[in-house]
Structures are given as structure tokens and as C-alpha cells.
C-alpha atoms as a PDB file:
ATOM      1  CA  UNK A   1      34.558 115.823 163.813  1.00  0.00           C
ATOM      2  CA  UNK A   2      37.437 114.045 162.093  1.00  0.00           C
ATOM      3  CA  UNK A   3      37.422 116.672 159.334  1.00  0.00           C
ATOM      4  CA  UNK A   4      37.804 119.447 161.874  1.00  0.00           C
ATOM      5  CA  UNK A   5      40.690 117.646 163.530  1.00  0.00           C
ATOM      6  CA  UNK A   6      42.388 117.218 160.164  1.00  0.00           C
ATOM      7  CA  UNK A   7      41.889 120.880 159.342  1.00  0.00           C
ATOM      8  CA  UNK A   8      43.332 121.877 162.718  1.00  0.00           C
ATOM      9  CA  UNK A   9      46.402 119.701 162.199  1.00  0.00           C
ATOM     10  CA  UNK A  10      46.922 121.209 158.748  1.00  0.00           C
ATOM     11  CA  UNK A  11      46.636 124.723 160.183  1.00  0.00           C
ATOM     12  CA  UNK A  12      49.260 123.877 162.815  1.00  0.00           C
ATOM     13  CA  UNK A  13      51.653 122.435 160.226  1.00  0.00           C
ATOM     14  CA  UNK A  14      51.596 125.547 158.049  1.00  0.00           C
ATOM     15  CA  UNK A  15      53.152 127.901 160.663  1.00  0.00           C
ATOM     16  CA  UNK A  16      55.688 125.200 161.491  1.00  0.00           C
ATOM     17  CA  UNK A  17      56.703 124.908 157.846  1.00  0.00           C
ATOM     18  CA  UNK A  18      57.073 128.672 157.656  1.00  0.00           C
ATOM     19  CA  UNK A  19      59.300 128.686 160.717  1.00  0.00           C
ATOM     20  CA  UNK A  20      61.308 125.784 159.283  1.00  0.00           C
ATOM     21  CA  UNK A  21      61.832 127.646 156.011  1.00  0.00           C
ATOM     22  CA  UNK A  22      62.777 130.799 157.874  1.00  0.00           C
ATOM     23  CA  UNK A  23      65.245 128.833 159.987  1.00  0.00           C
ATOM     24  CA  UNK A  24      66.814 127.267 156.905  1.00  0.00           C
ATOM     25  CA  UNK A  25      67.132 130.703 155.285  1.00  0.00           C
ATOM     26  CA  UNK A  26      68.837 132.169 158.355  1.00  0.00           C
ATOM     27  CA  UNK A  27      71.143 129.142 158.597  1.00  0.00           C
ATOM     28  CA  UNK A  28      72.079 129.522 154.922  1.00  0.00           C
ATOM     29  CA  UNK A  29      72.856 133.222 155.344  1.00  0.00           C
ATOM     30  CA  UNK A  30      74.987 132.579 158.432  1.00  0.00           C
ATOM     31  CA  UNK A  31      76.717 129.542 156.982  1.00  0.00           C
ATOM     32  CA  UNK A  32      77.562 130.936 153.548  1.00  0.00           C
ATOM     33  CA  UNK A  33      80.667 132.906 154.702  1.00  0.00           C
ATOM     34  CA  UNK A  34      82.000 129.771 156.388  1.00  0.00           C
ATOM     35  CA  UNK A  35      81.253 127.739 153.253  1.00  0.00           C
ATOM     36  CA  UNK A  36      83.089 130.268 151.081  1.00  0.00           C
ATOM     37  CA  UNK A  37      86.048 130.402 153.488  1.00  0.00           C
ATOM     38  CA  UNK A  38      86.517 126.627 153.378  1.00  0.00           C
ATOM     39  CA  UNK A  39      86.158 126.492 149.585  1.00  0.00           C
ATOM     40  CA  UNK A  40      88.677 129.315 149.131  1.00  0.00           C
ATOM     41  CA  UNK A  41      91.118 127.397 151.329  1.00  0.00           C
ATOM     42  CA  UNK A  42      91.067 124.575 148.761  1.00  0.00           C
ATOM     43  CA  UNK A  43      91.286 126.788 145.672  1.00  0.00           C
ATOM     44  CA  UNK A  44      94.551 127.381 143.794  1.00  0.00           C
ATOM     45  CA  UNK A  45      95.649 131.003 143.489  1.00  0.00           C
ATOM     46  CA  UNK A  46      94.498 131.217 139.859  1.00  0.00           C
ATOM     47  CA  UNK A  47      90.886 130.465 140.825  1.00  0.00           C
ATOM     48  CA  UNK A  48      90.506 132.614 143.953  1.00  0.00           C
ATOM     49  CA  UNK A  49      90.049 135.936 142.152  1.00  0.00           C
ATOM     50  CA  UNK A  50      88.542 134.540 138.969  1.00  0.00           C
ATOM     51  CA  UNK A  51      85.312 136.066 137.636  1.00  0.00           C
ATOM     52  CA  UNK A  52      82.659 134.845 137.721  1.00  0.00           C
ATOM     53  CA  UNK A  53      83.478 132.899 140.918  1.00  0.00           C
ATOM     54  CA  UNK A  54      82.900 129.165 140.898  1.00  0.00           C
ATOM     55  CA  UNK A  55      80.875 127.593 143.695  1.00  0.00           C
ATOM     56  CA  UNK A  56      83.189 124.577 143.750  1.00  0.00           C
ATOM     57  CA  UNK A  57      86.969 124.505 143.058  1.00  0.00           C
ATOM     58  CA  UNK A  58      87.708 122.806 139.756  1.00  0.00           C
ATOM     59  CA  UNK A  59      91.245 121.884 140.850  1.00  0.00           C
ATOM     60  CA  UNK A  60      91.227 121.439 144.658  1.00  0.00           C
ATOM     61  CA  UNK A  61      94.608 121.727 146.355  1.00  0.00           C
ATOM     62  CA  UNK A  62      96.075 121.306 149.831  1.00  0.00           C
ATOM     63  CA  UNK A  63      98.904 123.686 149.033  1.00  0.00           C
ATOM     64  CA  UNK A  64      97.282 126.527 150.968  1.00  0.00           C
ATOM     65  CA  UNK A  65      97.145 124.416 154.125  1.00  0.00           C
ATOM     66  CA  UNK A  66     100.728 123.253 153.661  1.00  0.00           C
ATOM     67  CA  UNK A  67     101.907 126.845 153.223  1.00  0.00           C
ATOM     68  CA  UNK A  68      99.955 128.004 156.267  1.00  0.00           C
ATOM     69  CA  UNK A  69     101.188 125.213 158.527  1.00  0.00           C
ATOM     70  CA  UNK A  70     104.731 125.640 157.238  1.00  0.00           C
ATOM     71  CA  UNK A  71     105.127 129.170 158.604  1.00  0.00           C
ATOM     72  CA  UNK A  72     107.653 129.557 161.434  1.00  0.00           C
ATOM     73  CA  UNK A  73     105.260 130.667 164.133  1.00  0.00           C
ATOM     74  CA  UNK A  74     102.252 128.443 163.380  1.00  0.00           C
ATOM     75  CA  UNK A  75     102.877 125.690 165.934  1.00  0.00           C
ATOM     76  CA  UNK A  76     104.163 128.056 168.668  1.00  0.00           C
ATOM     77  CA  UNK A  77     101.042 130.161 168.147  1.00  0.00           C
ATOM     78  CA  UNK A  78      98.856 127.023 168.352  1.00  0.00           C
ATOM     79  CA  UNK A  79     100.497 126.235 171.675  1.00  0.00           C
ATOM     80  CA  UNK A  80      99.954 129.782 172.953  1.00  0.00           C
ATOM     81  CA  UNK A  81      96.290 129.743 171.914  1.00  0.00           C
ATOM     82  CA  UNK A  82      95.768 126.372 173.600  1.00  0.00           C
ATOM     83  CA  UNK A  83      97.482 127.454 176.834  1.00  0.00           C
ATOM     84  CA  UNK A  84      95.566 130.739 177.006  1.00  0.00           C
ATOM     85  CA  UNK A  85      92.219 129.166 176.055  1.00  0.00           C
ATOM     86  CA  UNK A  86      92.429 126.148 178.381  1.00  0.00           C
ATOM     87  CA  UNK A  87      93.959 128.194 181.201  1.00  0.00           C
ATOM     88  CA  UNK A  88      91.171 130.751 180.987  1.00  0.00           C
ATOM     89  CA  UNK A  89      88.498 128.046 180.928  1.00  0.00           C
ATOM     90  CA  UNK A  90      89.891 126.070 183.870  1.00  0.00           C
ATOM     91  CA  UNK A  91      90.553 129.034 186.154  1.00  0.00           C
ATOM     92  CA  UNK A  92      87.253 130.740 185.340  1.00  0.00           C
ATOM     93  CA  UNK A  93      85.325 127.512 186.014  1.00  0.00           C
ATOM     94  CA  UNK A  94      87.046 126.879 189.350  1.00  0.00           C
ATOM     95  CA  UNK A  95      86.765 130.447 190.638  1.00  0.00           C
ATOM     96  CA  UNK A  96      83.370 131.067 189.026  1.00  0.00           C
ATOM     97  CA  UNK A  97      81.827 127.886 190.448  1.00  0.00           C
ATOM     98  CA  UNK A  98      82.923 128.704 193.993  1.00  0.00           C
ATOM     99  CA  UNK A  99      81.730 132.312 193.679  1.00  0.00           C
ATOM    100  CA  UNK A 100      78.391 131.239 192.203  1.00  0.00           C
ATOM    101  CA  UNK A 101      77.931 128.687 194.985  1.00  0.00           C
ATOM    102  CA  UNK A 102      78.546 131.368 197.610  1.00  0.00           C
ATOM    103  CA  UNK A 103      76.030 133.694 195.962  1.00  0.00           C
ATOM    104  CA  UNK A 104      73.379 130.985 195.685  1.00  0.00           C
ATOM    105  CA  UNK A 105      73.744 129.356 199.088  1.00  0.00           C
ATOM    106  CA  UNK A 106      75.007 131.967 201.559  1.00  0.00           C
ATOM    107  CA  UNK A 107      73.633 135.292 202.763  1.00  0.00           C
ATOM    108  CA  UNK A 108      76.378 137.817 203.476  1.00  0.00           C
ATOM    109  CA  UNK A 109      76.806 141.580 203.638  1.00  0.00           C
ATOM    110  CA  UNK A 110      77.273 143.144 200.208  1.00  0.00           C
ATOM    111  CA  UNK A 111      75.775 140.204 198.328  1.00  0.00           C
ATOM    112  CA  UNK A 112      73.436 142.353 196.222  1.00  0.00           C
ATOM    113  CA  UNK A 113      76.192 144.894 195.583  1.00  0.00           C
ATOM    114  CA  UNK A 114      78.426 142.076 194.363  1.00  0.00           C
ATOM    115  CA  UNK A 115      75.797 140.994 191.848  1.00  0.00           C
ATOM    116  CA  UNK A 116      75.504 144.581 190.606  1.00  0.00           C
ATOM    117  CA  UNK A 117      79.279 144.780 190.187  1.00  0.00           C
ATOM    118  CA  UNK A 118      79.219 141.586 188.112  1.00  0.00           C
ATOM    119  CA  UNK A 119      76.653 143.062 185.752  1.00  0.00           C
ATOM    120  CA  UNK A 120      78.492 146.395 185.594  1.00  0.00           C
ATOM    121  CA  UNK A 121      81.765 144.769 184.547  1.00  0.00           C
ATOM    122  CA  UNK A 122      79.973 143.090 181.648  1.00  0.00           C
ATOM    123  CA  UNK A 123      78.850 146.497 180.371  1.00  0.00           C
ATOM    124  CA  UNK A 124      82.310 148.101 180.255  1.00  0.00           C
ATOM    125  CA  UNK A 125      83.654 148.180 176.661  1.00  0.00           C
ATOM    126  CA  UNK A 126      86.944 146.391 176.102  1.00  0.00           C
ATOM    127  CA  UNK A 127      88.500 149.309 174.193  1.00  0.00           C
ATOM    128  CA  UNK A 128      88.171 151.552 177.256  1.00  0.00           C
ATOM    129  CA  UNK A 129      90.337 149.224 179.362  1.00  0.00           C
ATOM    130  CA  UNK A 130      93.230 148.467 177.022  1.00  0.00           C
ATOM    131  CA  UNK A 131      95.579 151.238 178.216  1.00  0.00           C
ATOM    132  CA  UNK A 132      94.846 150.844 181.966  1.00  0.00           C
ATOM    133  CA  UNK A 133      95.256 147.075 181.706  1.00  0.00           C
ATOM    134  CA  UNK A 134      98.554 147.417 179.855  1.00  0.00           C
ATOM    135  CA  UNK A 135      99.942 149.901 182.419  1.00  0.00           C
ATOM    136  CA  UNK A 136      98.832 147.664 185.302  1.00  0.00           C
ATOM    137  CA  UNK A 137     100.448 144.545 183.826  1.00  0.00           C
ATOM    138  CA  UNK A 138     103.564 146.483 182.907  1.00  0.00           C
ATOM    139  CA  UNK A 139     104.000 147.596 186.532  1.00  0.00           C
ATOM    140  CA  UNK A 140     103.529 143.983 187.635  1.00  0.00           C
ATOM    141  CA  UNK A 141     106.015 142.679 185.040  1.00  0.00           C
ATOM    142  CA  UNK A 142     103.372 140.528 183.327  1.00  0.00           C
ATOM    143  CA  UNK A 143     103.405 142.036 179.845  1.00  0.00           C
ATOM    144  CA  UNK A 144     104.475 139.686 177.059  1.00  0.00           C
ATOM    145  CA  UNK A 145     103.536 136.674 179.195  1.00  0.00           C
ATOM    146  CA  UNK A 146     100.789 134.103 178.731  1.00  0.00           C
ATOM    147  CA  UNK A 147      99.944 134.237 182.419  1.00  0.00           C
ATOM    148  CA  UNK A 148      99.248 137.950 182.223  1.00  0.00           C
ATOM    149  CA  UNK A 149      96.910 137.438 179.265  1.00  0.00           C
ATOM    150  CA  UNK A 150      95.033 134.706 181.144  1.00  0.00           C
ATOM    151  CA  UNK A 151      94.562 137.014 184.140  1.00  0.00           C
ATOM    152  CA  UNK A 152      93.166 139.736 181.887  1.00  0.00           C
ATOM    153  CA  UNK A 153      90.804 137.334 180.132  1.00  0.00           C
ATOM    154  CA  UNK A 154      89.479 136.219 183.512  1.00  0.00           C
ATOM    155  CA  UNK A 155      88.230 139.755 184.124  1.00  0.00           C
ATOM    156  CA  UNK A 156      85.897 139.410 181.136  1.00  0.00           C
ATOM    157  CA  UNK A 157      84.901 135.749 181.441  1.00  0.00           C
ATOM    158  CA  UNK A 158      84.373 135.469 185.217  1.00  0.00           C
ATOM    159  CA  UNK A 159      81.322 137.784 185.437  1.00  0.00           C
ATOM    160  CA  UNK A 160      79.424 135.739 182.843  1.00  0.00           C
ATOM    161  CA  UNK A 161      80.581 132.476 184.435  1.00  0.00           C
ATOM    162  CA  UNK A 162      79.445 133.511 187.910  1.00  0.00           C
ATOM    163  CA  UNK A 163      76.115 134.867 186.656  1.00  0.00           C
ATOM    164  CA  UNK A 164      75.413 131.766 184.558  1.00  0.00           C
ATOM    165  CA  UNK A 165      76.372 129.190 187.191  1.00  0.00           C
ATOM    166  CA  UNK A 166      74.488 131.082 189.894  1.00  0.00           C
ATOM    167  CA  UNK A 167      71.235 130.259 188.121  1.00  0.00           C
ATOM    168  CA  UNK A 168      72.118 126.578 187.849  1.00  0.00           C
ATOM    169  CA  UNK A 169      73.123 126.229 191.500  1.00  0.00           C
ATOM    170  CA  UNK A 170      70.041 128.113 192.672  1.00  0.00           C
ATOM    171  CA  UNK A 171      67.914 125.603 190.734  1.00  0.00           C
ATOM    172  CA  UNK A 172      69.419 122.667 192.660  1.00  0.00           C
ATOM    173  CA  UNK A 173      67.399 122.029 195.853  1.00  0.00           C
ATOM    174  CA  UNK A 174      69.426 122.752 198.992  1.00  0.00           C
ATOM    175  CA  UNK A 175      67.737 119.736 200.607  1.00  0.00           C
ATOM    176  CA  UNK A 176      69.965 117.433 198.531  1.00  0.00           C
ATOM    177  CA  UNK A 177      73.081 118.878 200.157  1.00  0.00           C
ATOM    178  CA  UNK A 178      71.499 118.757 203.600  1.00  0.00           C
ATOM    179  CA  UNK A 179      70.593 115.096 203.096  1.00  0.00           C
ATOM    180  CA  UNK A 180      74.175 114.320 202.034  1.00  0.00           C
ATOM    181  CA  UNK A 181      75.552 116.100 205.100  1.00  0.00           C
ATOM    182  CA  UNK A 182      73.148 114.177 207.338  1.00  0.00           C
ATOM    183  CA  UNK A 183      74.544 110.955 205.811  1.00  0.00           C
ATOM    184  CA  UNK A 184      78.068 111.966 206.818  1.00  0.00           C
ATOM    185  CA  UNK A 185      79.355 114.230 204.022  1.00  0.00           C
ATOM    186  CA  UNK A 186      80.907 117.543 204.886  1.00  0.00           C
ATOM    187  CA  UNK A 187      80.147 120.767 203.035  1.00  0.00           C
ATOM    188  CA  UNK A 188      82.941 120.076 200.540  1.00  0.00           C
ATOM    189  CA  UNK A 189      81.929 116.444 200.097  1.00  0.00           C
ATOM    190  CA  UNK A 190      78.317 117.393 199.417  1.00  0.00           C
ATOM    191  CA  UNK A 191      79.475 120.009 196.925  1.00  0.00           C
ATOM    192  CA  UNK A 192      81.671 117.531 195.042  1.00  0.00           C
ATOM    193  CA  UNK A 193      79.257 114.593 195.112  1.00  0.00           C
ATOM    194  CA  UNK A 194      75.918 116.382 194.712  1.00  0.00           C
ATOM    195  CA  UNK A 195      76.369 119.832 193.188  1.00  0.00           C
ATOM    196  CA  UNK A 196      79.099 119.216 190.610  1.00  0.00           C
ATOM    197  CA  UNK A 197      77.401 116.258 188.839  1.00  0.00           C
ATOM    198  CA  UNK A 198      74.134 118.214 188.576  1.00  0.00           C
ATOM    199  CA  UNK A 199      76.053 121.302 187.460  1.00  0.00           C
ATOM    200  CA  UNK A 200      77.730 119.566 184.494  1.00  0.00           C
ATOM    201  CA  UNK A 201      75.492 121.091 181.756  1.00  0.00           C
ATOM    202  CA  UNK A 202      76.093 124.585 183.131  1.00  0.00           C
ATOM    203  CA  UNK A 203      79.842 124.008 183.335  1.00  0.00           C
ATOM    204  CA  UNK A 204      79.908 122.894 179.708  1.00  0.00           C
ATOM    205  CA  UNK A 205      77.868 125.874 178.506  1.00  0.00           C
ATOM    206  CA  UNK A 206      80.034 128.412 180.321  1.00  0.00           C
ATOM    207  CA  UNK A 207      83.269 126.687 179.298  1.00  0.00           C
ATOM    208  CA  UNK A 208      82.316 127.036 175.619  1.00  0.00           C
ATOM    209  CA  UNK A 209      81.694 130.753 176.095  1.00  0.00           C
ATOM    210  CA  UNK A 210      85.039 131.237 177.865  1.00  0.00           C
ATOM    211  CA  UNK A 211      86.864 129.157 175.258  1.00  0.00           C
ATOM    212  CA  UNK A 212      85.434 131.084 172.310  1.00  0.00           C
ATOM    213  CA  UNK A 213      86.194 134.424 173.976  1.00  0.00           C
ATOM    214  CA  UNK A 214      89.812 133.491 174.710  1.00  0.00           C
ATOM    215  CA  UNK A 215      90.421 131.745 171.376  1.00  0.00           C
ATOM    216  CA  UNK A 216      89.112 134.521 169.127  1.00  0.00           C
ATOM    217  CA  UNK A 217      90.207 137.619 171.067  1.00  0.00           C
ATOM    218  CA  UNK A 218      92.545 139.878 169.077  1.00  0.00           C
ATOM    219  CA  UNK A 219      93.009 143.369 170.546  1.00  0.00           C
ATOM    220  CA  UNK A 220      94.336 142.446 173.997  1.00  0.00           C
ATOM    221  CA  UNK A 221      96.734 139.831 172.660  1.00  0.00           C
ATOM    222  CA  UNK A 222      98.028 142.265 170.055  1.00  0.00           C
ATOM    223  CA  UNK A 223      98.743 144.856 172.756  1.00  0.00           C
ATOM    224  CA  UNK A 224     100.036 142.596 175.534  1.00  0.00           C
ATOM    225  CA  UNK A 225     102.168 140.074 173.595  1.00  0.00           C
ATOM    226  CA  UNK A 226     105.098 141.344 171.537  1.00  0.00           C
ATOM    227  CA  UNK A 227     107.099 138.149 170.986  1.00  0.00           C
ATOM    228  CA  UNK A 228     105.911 136.482 167.732  1.00  0.00           C
ATOM    229  CA  UNK A 229     106.225 132.971 169.194  1.00  0.00           C
ATOM    230  CA  UNK A 230     103.976 133.877 172.145  1.00  0.00           C
ATOM    231  CA  UNK A 231     101.197 135.402 170.085  1.00  0.00           C
ATOM    232  CA  UNK A 232      97.989 133.530 169.300  1.00  0.00           C
ATOM    233  CA  UNK A 233      96.471 132.290 166.065  1.00  0.00           C
ATOM    234  CA  UNK A 234      94.278 135.361 165.715  1.00  0.00           C
ATOM    235  CA  UNK A 235      97.462 137.468 165.427  1.00  0.00           C
ATOM    236  CA  UNK A 236      99.138 134.867 163.221  1.00  0.00           C
ATOM    237  CA  UNK A 237      96.420 135.302 160.596  1.00  0.00           C
ATOM    238  CA  UNK A 238      97.562 138.893 160.020  1.00  0.00           C
ATOM    239  CA  UNK A 239     100.890 137.578 158.684  1.00  0.00           C
ATOM    240  CA  UNK A 240      99.151 136.673 155.406  1.00  0.00           C
ATOM    241  CA  UNK A 241      98.674 140.378 154.690  1.00  0.00           C
ATOM    242  CA  UNK A 242     101.952 141.814 153.430  1.00  0.00           C
ATOM    243  CA  UNK A 243     103.102 144.899 151.530  1.00  0.00           C
ATOM    244  CA  UNK A 244     102.926 142.814 148.338  1.00  0.00           C
ATOM    245  CA  UNK A 245      99.248 141.992 148.853  1.00  0.00           C
ATOM    246  CA  UNK A 246      97.098 139.458 150.659  1.00  0.00           C
ATOM    247  CA  UNK A 247      97.629 135.723 150.340  1.00  0.00           C
ATOM    248  CA  UNK A 248      93.926 134.854 150.283  1.00  0.00           C
ATOM    249  CA  UNK A 249      94.469 131.125 149.904  1.00  0.00           C
ATOM    250  CA  UNK A 250      96.818 130.938 152.891  1.00  0.00           C
ATOM    251  CA  UNK A 251      94.613 133.290 154.900  1.00  0.00           C
ATOM    252  CA  UNK A 252      91.475 131.207 154.335  1.00  0.00           C
ATOM    253  CA  UNK A 253      93.374 127.997 155.063  1.00  0.00           C
ATOM    254  CA  UNK A 254      94.705 129.537 158.274  1.00  0.00           C
ATOM    255  CA  UNK A 255      91.235 130.747 159.252  1.00  0.00           C
ATOM    256  CA  UNK A 256      89.861 127.245 158.675  1.00  0.00           C
ATOM    257  CA  UNK A 257      92.597 125.700 160.819  1.00  0.00           C
ATOM    258  CA  UNK A 258      91.989 128.299 163.517  1.00  0.00           C
ATOM    259  CA  UNK A 259      88.255 127.598 163.627  1.00  0.00           C
ATOM    260  CA  UNK A 260      88.558 123.795 163.672  1.00  0.00           C
ATOM    261  CA  UNK A 261      89.414 123.257 167.391  1.00  0.00           C
ATOM    262  CA  UNK A 262      86.477 125.353 168.604  1.00  0.00           C
ATOM    263  CA  UNK A 263      84.093 123.720 166.102  1.00  0.00           C
ATOM    264  CA  UNK A 264      85.181 120.221 167.151  1.00  0.00           C
ATOM    265  CA  UNK A 265      84.815 121.107 170.827  1.00  0.00           C
ATOM    266  CA  UNK A 266      81.378 122.583 170.209  1.00  0.00           C
ATOM    267  CA  UNK A 267      80.178 119.533 168.256  1.00  0.00           C
ATOM    268  CA  UNK A 268      81.424 117.241 171.023  1.00  0.00           C
ATOM    269  CA  UNK A 269      79.426 118.994 173.746  1.00  0.00           C
ATOM    270  CA  UNK A 270      76.495 120.505 171.844  1.00  0.00           C
ATOM    271  CA  UNK A 271      73.885 118.316 173.544  1.00  0.00           C
ATOM    272  CA  UNK A 272      75.040 119.341 176.997  1.00  0.00           C
ATOM    273  CA  UNK A 273      75.118 122.979 175.881  1.00  0.00           C
ATOM    274  CA  UNK A 274      71.469 122.840 174.777  1.00  0.00           C
ATOM    275  CA  UNK A 275      70.443 121.118 178.000  1.00  0.00           C
ATOM    276  CA  UNK A 276      72.446 123.576 180.084  1.00  0.00           C
ATOM    277  CA  UNK A 277      71.033 126.687 178.445  1.00  0.00           C
ATOM    278  CA  UNK A 278      67.482 125.344 178.724  1.00  0.00           C
ATOM    279  CA  UNK A 279      67.965 124.513 182.403  1.00  0.00           C
ATOM    280  CA  UNK A 280      69.426 127.901 183.178  1.00  0.00           C
ATOM    281  CA  UNK A 281      66.649 129.707 181.333  1.00  0.00           C
ATOM    282  CA  UNK A 282      63.763 127.761 182.848  1.00  0.00           C
ATOM    283  CA  UNK A 283      64.908 127.128 186.410  1.00  0.00           C
ATOM    284  CA  UNK A 284      67.525 129.829 186.987  1.00  0.00           C
END
């Protein structure tokens, strides 16, 4: 009997090892471009285009980072990216949480149609809306303004936020709110004290999505913002491509600097993201 148990355990381990190897292979394929970007950021210009390429810089340098951070618009563009990213996240979370709560807890006319509209907006390609969005903001006097860009980003982040948080709120028993209201809390008090703490993993997961969307978006910012100091880091990276050629060292250093804030934010909240996605998938 013990032999059979041992054979069964061995048979279970083999598929797991295969999946582990497959996972490592996929991770290596996905991570190699990032690895090469970071290494190129530390290479001197004489080594970047050398053949055959070296897998580790023989003379590492910080000159590429110094040159990238020394450009005139770097810090203004960092500020613009931070304002647009954080503004989009905060507004989408506030509005999206209230909308998701209404969808999950209240029955009202047009509720199903509203859900269909949310899904429909997600299916519309961004390229098809660039000209209408520009004309609309131009009539409202919001072109070349960070506030106008935040409003446009909300159109694309709110549907996902509402849909995601709706599943989390629906998974929270309504009896908890009713018990809080019986104990003296109002509707708002029960929402703040009961719903929001339980909704934290979902808020983190959706905030990462909104942050990445706003931080990396290129086309809308390029069309809506014309002042160099107001543009974001994704537009700033184009400045390393000139008529004399491409500054690959500065470009890779700039790309590394651009990716760092999102990577740090993701690493800080990755546990809550995993818990939030699992909760939304299982209970939503």
C-alpha cells in the first residue's frame, strides 16, 4: 500500500514540475526585454551596438541616467505623469465605488441597460475616439490641460472599475450592513465602516489597473497636450529620437526611470492584488 502511495505522489510531482518549468520559461521570455533594457541603460555608447552583444556591461556607467534626468522637461513631465496618474486613480475609485455599490445593492430602472453600456464602452477602440474627444475638449476649453486628460482617462478606466468592484461588493453579505444600521449606523456609516474595509483588496487591484493605464498611455496625451512641460513621460521618451539618430543609452535609461514608479507600486501591493483578483473571480 505504501508503494502505491509513493508512486501516486511521484506521478503528481511530475506534472507539477512540468508546469513549474513551463512557468519559468514563460517568465524568462517575458522578462528578457526588461533585463536587456536595464542592462542597456548601464552600458556606455561604445558597447550598446557592439557585436556580438555582451550579456553584462564590461564598463557600467550612470551617464545615461544623468543625461536623461538632465533634460529640461524631465521633472515637469514626471510631475504631469504623477498628477494625471494619481488623479485618474482617485477619481475613478471614488466614482467607481459609489456606482458599483448602487449596482450591487439597489434595484432601479435601467440597471441592466447600464451594465450593458459599461461593457460596450470597454469594446470601443481608442483610435476611433481620438478626433471626437479632441473636438469635445476643444469646445470646452480643456485641451492642453491636465484636467482634461484626467477626464478623458476616466472614460476608459471607470467601466472596468465599476465592473470589477461590483463583483466585490456583491460578494459582501448585505446582512453586515443591516446589522450595522440596526446598531445605529446610517447608510453612509455602514458603507464606510463595513464595506470599505472589506473592499480594500478590490480597490487595490483596480487602482493598479487605472494607474498603469494612465501612466503608460501615449496617443491621447500626444494629441491633447501640446505644451512640452505638460506632457507625460511616455511623450518625453520620444525626445531621444532625433534627426541625428537614436540615443539608445538615454532612451533605455529613461524607459527604466519611467517604469520604476509603477514597478515599486506593484511590488508594494502585490499581495493585496492577488487576494483581490482571487476574491473577485471566486465570489463575484
